[in-house]
Amino acid sequence: VQTGGVLRLSCAASGRTFGAYVAAWFRQAPGKE
């Protein structure tokens, strides 16, 4: 996208009941942690 643009990321979870869970998004750029 261009600067100022919009995106929506989705994360589909499966395999258990997630009621007691925390979900998070992380990111990693090249050469960075």
PDB file of all heavy atoms in Angstrom:
ATOM      1  N   VAL A   1       0.850  -1.191   0.000  1.00  0.00           N
ATOM      2  CA  VAL A   1       0.000   0.000   0.000  1.00  0.00           C
ATOM      3  C   VAL A   1       0.882   1.237   0.000  1.00  0.00           C
ATOM      4  O   VAL A   1       2.067   1.163   0.338  1.00  0.00           O
ATOM      5  CB  VAL A   1      -0.951   0.053   1.215  1.00  0.00           C
ATOM      6  CG1 VAL A   1      -1.935  -1.100   1.181  1.00  0.00           C
ATOM      7  CG2 VAL A   1      -0.177   0.068   2.520  1.00  0.00           C
ATOM      8  N   GLN A   2       0.284   2.364  -0.344  1.00  0.00           N
ATOM      9  CA  GLN A   2       1.003   3.628  -0.296  1.00  0.00           C
ATOM     10  C   GLN A   2       0.906   4.242   1.091  1.00  0.00           C
ATOM     11  O   GLN A   2       0.029   3.863   1.893  1.00  0.00           O
ATOM     12  CB  GLN A   2       0.428   4.583  -1.331  1.00  0.00           C
ATOM     13  CG  GLN A   2       0.677   4.150  -2.774  1.00  0.00           C
ATOM     14  CD  GLN A   2       0.195   5.182  -3.772  1.00  0.00           C
ATOM     15  OE1 GLN A   2      -0.726   5.944  -3.494  1.00  0.00           O
ATOM     16  NE2 GLN A   2       0.819   5.204  -4.944  1.00  0.00           N
ATOM     17  N   THR A   3       1.789   5.183   1.363  1.00  0.00           N
ATOM     18  CA  THR A   3       1.729   5.914   2.628  1.00  0.00           C
ATOM     19  C   THR A   3       0.334   6.506   2.815  1.00  0.00           C
ATOM     20  O   THR A   3      -0.238   7.079   1.889  1.00  0.00           O
ATOM     21  CB  THR A   3       2.770   7.042   2.636  1.00  0.00           C
ATOM     22  OG1 THR A   3       4.071   6.462   2.548  1.00  0.00           O
ATOM     23  CG2 THR A   3       2.674   7.863   3.900  1.00  0.00           C
ATOM     24  N   GLY A   4      -0.188   6.326   4.037  1.00  0.00           N
ATOM     25  CA  GLY A   4      -1.537   6.792   4.332  1.00  0.00           C
ATOM     26  C   GLY A   4      -2.606   5.761   4.055  1.00  0.00           C
ATOM     27  O   GLY A   4      -3.782   5.993   4.370  1.00  0.00           O
ATOM     28  N   GLY A   5      -2.232   4.634   3.488  1.00  0.00           N
ATOM     29  CA  GLY A   5      -3.190   3.593   3.129  1.00  0.00           C
ATOM     30  C   GLY A   5      -3.667   2.775   4.319  1.00  0.00           C
ATOM     31  O   GLY A   5      -3.270   2.995   5.468  1.00  0.00           O
ATOM     32  N   VAL A   6      -4.524   1.816   3.983  1.00  0.00           N
ATOM     33  CA  VAL A   6      -5.200   0.999   4.993  1.00  0.00           C
ATOM     34  C   VAL A   6      -5.047  -0.483   4.640  1.00  0.00           C
ATOM     35  O   VAL A   6      -5.127  -0.852   3.459  1.00  0.00           O
ATOM     36  CB  VAL A   6      -6.706   1.354   5.041  1.00  0.00           C
ATOM     37  CG1 VAL A   6      -7.460   0.399   5.951  1.00  0.00           C
ATOM     38  CG2 VAL A   6      -6.898   2.801   5.470  1.00  0.00           C
ATOM     39  N   LEU A   7      -4.829  -1.319   5.670  1.00  0.00           N
ATOM     40  CA  LEU A   7      -4.851  -2.764   5.519  1.00  0.00           C
ATOM     41  C   LEU A   7      -5.495  -3.366   6.754  1.00  0.00           C
ATOM     42  O   LEU A   7      -5.409  -2.790   7.842  1.00  0.00           O
ATOM     43  CB  LEU A   7      -3.429  -3.340   5.377  1.00  0.00           C
ATOM     44  CG  LEU A   7      -2.713  -3.237   4.037  1.00  0.00           C
ATOM     45  CD1 LEU A   7      -1.288  -3.763   4.172  1.00  0.00           C
ATOM     46  CD2 LEU A   7      -3.458  -4.006   2.957  1.00  0.00           C
ATOM     47  N   ARG A   8      -6.112  -4.534   6.588  1.00  0.00           N
ATOM     48  CA  ARG A   8      -6.613  -5.287   7.729  1.00  0.00           C
ATOM     49  C   ARG A   8      -6.028  -6.685   7.687  1.00  0.00           C
ATOM     50  O   ARG A   8      -6.254  -7.428   6.729  1.00  0.00           O
ATOM     51  CB  ARG A   8      -8.143  -5.361   7.753  1.00  0.00           C
ATOM     52  CG  ARG A   8      -8.652  -5.964   9.064  1.00  0.00           C
ATOM     53  CD  ARG A   8     -10.151  -5.980   9.169  1.00  0.00           C
ATOM     54  NE  ARG A   8     -10.757  -7.103   8.454  1.00  0.00           N
ATOM     55  CZ  ARG A   8     -11.926  -7.632   8.749  1.00  0.00           C
ATOM     56  NH1 ARG A   8     -12.629  -7.142   9.754  1.00  0.00           N
ATOM     57  NH2 ARG A   8     -12.423  -8.622   8.035  1.00  0.00           N
ATOM     58  N   LEU A   9      -5.293  -7.024   8.735  1.00  0.00           N
ATOM     59  CA  LEU A   9      -4.729  -8.360   8.868  1.00  0.00           C
ATOM     60  C   LEU A   9      -5.687  -9.241   9.654  1.00  0.00           C
ATOM     61  O   LEU A   9      -6.345  -8.772  10.587  1.00  0.00           O
ATOM     62  CB  LEU A   9      -3.376  -8.313   9.569  1.00  0.00           C
ATOM     63  CG  LEU A   9      -2.321  -7.389   8.968  1.00  0.00           C
ATOM     64  CD1 LEU A   9      -1.013  -7.523   9.744  1.00  0.00           C
ATOM     65  CD2 LEU A   9      -2.117  -7.649   7.503  1.00  0.00           C
ATOM     66  N   SER A  10      -5.728 -10.517   9.287  1.00  0.00           N
ATOM     67  CA  SER A  10      -6.540 -11.494   9.999  1.00  0.00           C
ATOM     68  C   SER A  10      -5.649 -12.634  10.478  1.00  0.00           C
ATOM     69  O   SER A  10      -4.670 -12.984   9.829  1.00  0.00           O
ATOM     70  CB  SER A  10      -7.624 -12.060   9.081  1.00  0.00           C
ATOM     71  OG  SER A  10      -8.484 -11.056   8.625  1.00  0.00           O
ATOM     72  N   CYS A  11      -6.024 -13.199  11.611  1.00  0.00           N
ATOM     73  CA  CYS A  11      -5.322 -14.353  12.164  1.00  0.00           C
ATOM     74  C   CYS A  11      -6.369 -15.376  12.584  1.00  0.00           C
ATOM     75  O   CYS A  11      -7.069 -15.169  13.591  1.00  0.00           O
ATOM     76  CB  CYS A  11      -4.466 -13.940  13.349  1.00  0.00           C
ATOM     77  SG  CYS A  11      -3.725 -15.320  14.257  1.00  0.00           S
ATOM     78  N   ALA A  12      -6.497 -16.431  11.820  1.00  0.00           N
ATOM     79  CA  ALA A  12      -7.474 -17.479  12.110  1.00  0.00           C
ATOM     80  C   ALA A  12      -6.830 -18.530  13.001  1.00  0.00           C
ATOM     81  O   ALA A  12      -5.793 -19.099  12.647  1.00  0.00           O
ATOM     82  CB  ALA A  12      -7.954 -18.103  10.807  1.00  0.00           C
ATOM     83  N   ALA A  13      -7.448 -18.771  14.150  1.00  0.00           N
ATOM     84  CA  ALA A  13      -6.909 -19.700  15.138  1.00  0.00           C
ATOM     85  C   ALA A  13      -7.733 -20.985  15.181  1.00  0.00           C
ATOM     86  O   ALA A  13      -8.963 -20.946  15.044  1.00  0.00           O
ATOM     87  CB  ALA A  13      -6.895 -19.057  16.515  1.00  0.00           C
ATOM     88  N   SER A  14      -7.072 -22.110  15.387  1.00  0.00           N
ATOM     89  CA  SER A  14      -7.771 -23.390  15.490  1.00  0.00           C
ATOM     90  C   SER A  14      -6.981 -24.319  16.395  1.00  0.00           C
ATOM     91  O   SER A  14      -5.809 -24.076  16.699  1.00  0.00           O
ATOM     92  CB  SER A  14      -7.927 -24.016  14.103  1.00  0.00           C
ATOM     93  OG  SER A  14      -6.669 -24.283  13.529  1.00  0.00           O
ATOM     94  N   GLY A  15      -7.643 -25.364  16.855  1.00  0.00           N
ATOM     95  CA  GLY A  15      -6.953 -26.394  17.612  1.00  0.00           C
ATOM     96  C   GLY A  15      -7.287 -26.477  19.079  1.00  0.00           C
ATOM     97  O   GLY A  15      -6.900 -27.436  19.746  1.00  0.00           O
ATOM     98  N   ARG A  16      -7.981 -25.460  19.614  1.00  0.00           N
ATOM     99  CA  ARG A  16      -8.361 -25.516  21.019  1.00  0.00           C
ATOM    100  C   ARG A  16      -9.355 -24.401  21.307  1.00  0.00           C
ATOM    101  O   ARG A  16      -9.663 -23.594  20.433  1.00  0.00           O
ATOM    102  CB  ARG A  16      -7.146 -25.399  21.917  1.00  0.00           C
ATOM    103  CG  ARG A  16      -6.434 -24.076  21.882  1.00  0.00           C
ATOM    104  CD  ARG A  16      -5.554 -23.887  23.091  1.00  0.00           C
ATOM    105  NE  ARG A  16      -6.329 -23.936  24.289  1.00  0.00           N
ATOM    106  CZ  ARG A  16      -6.093 -24.813  25.269  1.00  0.00           C
ATOM    107  NH1 ARG A  16      -5.110 -25.684  25.187  1.00  0.00           N
ATOM    108  NH2 ARG A  16      -6.834 -24.788  26.350  1.00  0.00           N
ATOM    109  N   THR A  17      -9.794 -24.337  22.559  1.00  0.00           N
ATOM    110  CA  THR A  17     -10.637 -23.227  23.023  1.00  0.00           C
ATOM    111  C   THR A  17      -9.718 -22.122  23.532  1.00  0.00           C
ATOM    112  O   THR A  17      -8.849 -22.375  24.349  1.00  0.00           O
ATOM    113  CB  THR A  17     -11.559 -23.693  24.154  1.00  0.00           C
ATOM    114  OG1 THR A  17     -12.371 -24.769  23.679  1.00  0.00           O
ATOM    115  CG2 THR A  17     -12.440 -22.551  24.611  1.00  0.00           C
ATOM    116  N   PHE A  18      -9.939 -20.901  23.053  1.00  0.00           N
ATOM    117  CA  PHE A  18      -9.000 -19.817  23.322  1.00  0.00           C
ATOM    118  C   PHE A  18      -9.478 -18.829  24.377  1.00  0.00           C
ATOM    119  O   PHE A  18      -8.898 -17.762  24.553  1.00  0.00           O
ATOM    120  CB  PHE A  18      -8.687 -19.064  22.018  1.00  0.00           C
ATOM    121  CG  PHE A  18      -7.902 -19.885  21.046  1.00  0.00           C
ATOM    122  CD1 PHE A  18      -8.542 -20.627  20.068  1.00  0.00           C
ATOM    123  CD2 PHE A  18      -6.529 -19.937  21.117  1.00  0.00           C
ATOM    124  CE1 PHE A  18      -7.822 -21.389  19.169  1.00  0.00           C
ATOM    125  CE2 PHE A  18      -5.791 -20.696  20.221  1.00  0.00           C
ATOM    126  CZ  PHE A  18      -6.444 -21.425  19.243  1.00  0.00           C
ATOM    127  N   GLY A  19     -10.517 -19.180  25.095  1.00  0.00           N
ATOM    128  CA  GLY A  19     -11.112 -18.228  26.025  1.00  0.00           C
ATOM    129  C   GLY A  19     -10.149 -17.612  27.018  1.00  0.00           C
ATOM    130  O   GLY A  19     -10.269 -16.448  27.371  1.00  0.00           O
ATOM    131  N   ALA A  20      -9.154 -18.362  27.487  1.00  0.00           N
ATOM    132  CA  ALA A  20      -8.223 -17.845  28.498  1.00  0.00           C
ATOM    133  C   ALA A  20      -6.936 -17.325  27.882  1.00  0.00           C
ATOM    134  O   ALA A  20      -5.984 -17.033  28.595  1.00  0.00           O
ATOM    135  CB  ALA A  20      -7.907 -18.949  29.501  1.00  0.00           C
ATOM    136  N   TYR A  21      -6.912 -17.184  26.593  1.00  0.00           N
ATOM    137  CA  TYR A  21      -5.685 -16.832  25.894  1.00  0.00           C
ATOM    138  C   TYR A  21      -5.576 -15.325  25.648  1.00  0.00           C
ATOM    139  O   TYR A  21      -6.563 -14.590  25.624  1.00  0.00           O
ATOM    140  CB  TYR A  21      -5.620 -17.553  24.549  1.00  0.00           C
ATOM    141  CG  TYR A  21      -5.000 -18.930  24.641  1.00  0.00           C
ATOM    142  CD1 TYR A  21      -5.522 -19.884  25.508  1.00  0.00           C
ATOM    143  CD2 TYR A  21      -3.907 -19.273  23.854  1.00  0.00           C
ATOM    144  CE1 TYR A  21      -4.953 -21.134  25.594  1.00  0.00           C
ATOM    145  CE2 TYR A  21      -3.336 -20.529  23.926  1.00  0.00           C
ATOM    146  CZ  TYR A  21      -3.867 -21.449  24.800  1.00  0.00           C
ATOM    147  OH  TYR A  21      -3.311 -22.691  24.886  1.00  0.00           O
ATOM    148  N   VAL A  22      -4.333 -14.934  25.446  1.00  0.00           N
ATOM    149  CA  VAL A  22      -3.997 -13.602  24.942  1.00  0.00           C
ATOM    150  C   VAL A  22      -3.498 -13.777  23.509  1.00  0.00           C
ATOM    151  O   VAL A  22      -2.743 -14.706  23.219  1.00  0.00           O
ATOM    152  CB  VAL A  22      -2.898 -12.943  25.796  1.00  0.00           C
ATOM    153  CG1 VAL A  22      -2.354 -11.694  25.109  1.00  0.00           C
ATOM    154  CG2 VAL A  22      -3.433 -12.609  27.181  1.00  0.00           C
ATOM    155  N   ALA A  23      -3.928 -12.886  22.629  1.00  0.00           N
ATOM    156  CA  ALA A  23      -3.430 -12.868  21.251  1.00  0.00           C
ATOM    157  C   ALA A  23      -2.696 -11.557  21.010  1.00  0.00           C
ATOM    158  O   ALA A  23      -3.061 -10.523  21.591  1.00  0.00           O
ATOM    159  CB  ALA A  23      -4.570 -13.017  20.268  1.00  0.00           C
ATOM    160  N   ALA A  24      -1.694 -11.605  20.172  1.00  0.00           N
ATOM    161  CA  ALA A  24      -0.898 -10.406  19.917  1.00  0.00           C
ATOM    162  C   ALA A  24      -0.408 -10.388  18.480  1.00  0.00           C
ATOM    163  O   ALA A  24      -0.375 -11.420  17.798  1.00  0.00           O
ATOM    164  CB  ALA A  24       0.294 -10.348  20.871  1.00  0.00           C
ATOM    165  N   TRP A  25      -0.061  -9.200  18.040  1.00  0.00           N
ATOM    166  CA  TRP A  25       0.614  -9.010  16.759  1.00  0.00           C
ATOM    167  C   TRP A  25       2.017  -8.466  17.032  1.00  0.00           C
ATOM    168  O   TRP A  25       2.190  -7.541  17.836  1.00  0.00           O
ATOM    169  CB  TRP A  25      -0.143  -8.043  15.864  1.00  0.00           C
ATOM    170  CG  TRP A  25      -1.419  -8.591  15.325  1.00  0.00           C
ATOM    171  CD1 TRP A  25      -2.666  -8.436  15.855  1.00  0.00           C
ATOM    172  CD2 TRP A  25      -1.579  -9.377  14.138  1.00  0.00           C
ATOM    173  NE1 TRP A  25      -3.589  -9.085  15.080  1.00  0.00           N
ATOM    174  CE2 TRP A  25      -2.946  -9.671  14.020  1.00  0.00           C
ATOM    175  CE3 TRP A  25      -0.698  -9.861  13.165  1.00  0.00           C
ATOM    176  CZ2 TRP A  25      -3.468 -10.433  12.964  1.00  0.00           C
ATOM    177  CZ3 TRP A  25      -1.212 -10.605  12.120  1.00  0.00           C
ATOM    178  CH2 TRP A  25      -2.575 -10.888  12.027  1.00  0.00           C
ATOM    179  N   PHE A  26       2.978  -9.076  16.359  1.00  0.00           N
ATOM    180  CA  PHE A  26       4.354  -8.598  16.364  1.00  0.00           C
ATOM    181  C   PHE A  26       4.750  -8.309  14.921  1.00  0.00           C
ATOM    182  O   PHE A  26       4.076  -8.742  13.978  1.00  0.00           O
ATOM    183  CB  PHE A  26       5.298  -9.666  16.941  1.00  0.00           C
ATOM    184  CG  PHE A  26       5.179  -9.845  18.418  1.00  0.00           C
ATOM    185  CD1 PHE A  26       4.143 -10.577  18.980  1.00  0.00           C
ATOM    186  CD2 PHE A  26       6.117  -9.294  19.280  1.00  0.00           C
ATOM    187  CE1 PHE A  26       4.031 -10.750  20.354  1.00  0.00           C
ATOM    188  CE2 PHE A  26       6.029  -9.461  20.651  1.00  0.00           C
ATOM    189  CZ  PHE A  26       4.984 -10.191  21.194  1.00  0.00           C
ATOM    190  N   ARG A  27       5.852  -7.609  14.745  1.00  0.00           N
ATOM    191  CA  ARG A  27       6.361  -7.383  13.396  1.00  0.00           C
ATOM    192  C   ARG A  27       7.882  -7.422  13.404  1.00  0.00           C
ATOM    193  O   ARG A  27       8.511  -7.157  14.438  1.00  0.00           O
ATOM    194  CB  ARG A  27       5.863  -6.057  12.826  1.00  0.00           C
ATOM    195  CG  ARG A  27       6.341  -4.815  13.574  1.00  0.00           C
ATOM    196  CD  ARG A  27       5.626  -3.583  13.026  1.00  0.00           C
ATOM    197  NE  ARG A  27       6.064  -2.372  13.710  1.00  0.00           N
ATOM    198  CZ  ARG A  27       5.513  -1.175  13.512  1.00  0.00           C
ATOM    199  NH1 ARG A  27       4.489  -1.045  12.647  1.00  0.00           N
ATOM    200  NH2 ARG A  27       5.964  -0.132  14.146  1.00  0.00           N
ATOM    201  N   GLN A  28       8.427  -7.762  12.246  1.00  0.00           N
ATOM    202  CA  GLN A  28       9.871  -7.835  12.121  1.00  0.00           C
ATOM    203  C   GLN A  28      10.293  -7.294  10.767  1.00  0.00           C
ATOM    204  O   GLN A  28       9.915  -7.839   9.721  1.00  0.00           O
ATOM    205  CB  GLN A  28      10.366  -9.274  12.297  1.00  0.00           C
ATOM    206  CG  GLN A  28      11.869  -9.401  12.387  1.00  0.00           C
ATOM    207  CD  GLN A  28      12.303 -10.761  12.896  1.00  0.00           C
ATOM    208  OE1 GLN A  28      11.534 -11.727  12.888  1.00  0.00           O
ATOM    209  NE2 GLN A  28      13.535 -10.842  13.379  1.00  0.00           N
ATOM    210  N   ALA A  29      11.063  -6.214  10.806  1.00  0.00           N
ATOM    211  CA  ALA A  29      11.614  -5.623   9.590  1.00  0.00           C
ATOM    212  C   ALA A  29      12.978  -6.253   9.306  1.00  0.00           C
ATOM    213  O   ALA A  29      13.629  -6.771  10.226  1.00  0.00           O
ATOM    214  CB  ALA A  29      11.744  -4.115   9.754  1.00  0.00           C
ATOM    215  N   PRO A  30      13.438  -6.201   8.057  1.00  0.00           N
ATOM    216  CA  PRO A  30      14.736  -6.787   7.728  1.00  0.00           C
ATOM    217  C   PRO A  30      15.862  -6.219   8.583  1.00  0.00           C
ATOM    218  O   PRO A  30      15.982  -5.003   8.745  1.00  0.00           O
ATOM    219  CB  PRO A  30      14.920  -6.403   6.257  1.00  0.00           C
ATOM    220  CG  PRO A  30      13.550  -6.240   5.732  1.00  0.00           C
ATOM    221  CD  PRO A  30      12.746  -5.684   6.866  1.00  0.00           C
ATOM    222  N   GLY A  31      16.660  -7.101   9.172  1.00  0.00           N
ATOM    223  CA  GLY A  31      17.791  -6.679   9.980  1.00  0.00           C
ATOM    224  C   GLY A  31      17.448  -6.200  11.374  1.00  0.00           C
ATOM    225  O   GLY A  31      18.327  -5.746  12.112  1.00  0.00           O
ATOM    226  N   LYS A  32      16.169  -6.311  11.747  1.00  0.00           N
ATOM    227  CA  LYS A  32      15.742  -5.832  13.072  1.00  0.00           C
ATOM    228  C   LYS A  32      15.149  -6.980  13.871  1.00  0.00           C
ATOM    229  O   LYS A  32      14.751  -8.001  13.326  1.00  0.00           O
ATOM    230  CB  LYS A  32      14.722  -4.710  12.933  1.00  0.00           C
ATOM    231  CG  LYS A  32      15.290  -3.443  12.301  1.00  0.00           C
ATOM    232  CD  LYS A  32      14.301  -2.303  12.392  1.00  0.00           C
ATOM    233  CE  LYS A  32      14.892  -1.012  11.853  1.00  0.00           C
ATOM    234  NZ  LYS A  32      13.929   0.125  11.969  1.00  0.00           N
ATOM    235  N   GLU A  33      15.063  -6.774  15.174  1.00  0.00           N
ATOM    236  CA  GLU A  33      14.448  -7.766  16.040  1.00  0.00           C
ATOM    237  C   GLU A  33      12.930  -7.703  15.920  1.00  0.00           C
ATOM    238  O   GLU A  33      12.355  -6.679  15.540  1.00  0.00           O
ATOM    239  CB  GLU A  33      14.871  -7.531  17.493  1.00  0.00           C
ATOM    240  CG  GLU A  33      16.351  -7.777  17.737  1.00  0.00           C
ATOM    241  CD  GLU A  33      16.702  -7.696  19.215  1.00  0.00           C
ATOM    242  OE1 GLU A  33      15.841  -7.276  20.005  1.00  0.00           O
ATOM    243  OE2 GLU A  33      17.843  -8.052  19.555  1.00  0.00           O
TER     244      GLU A  33
END
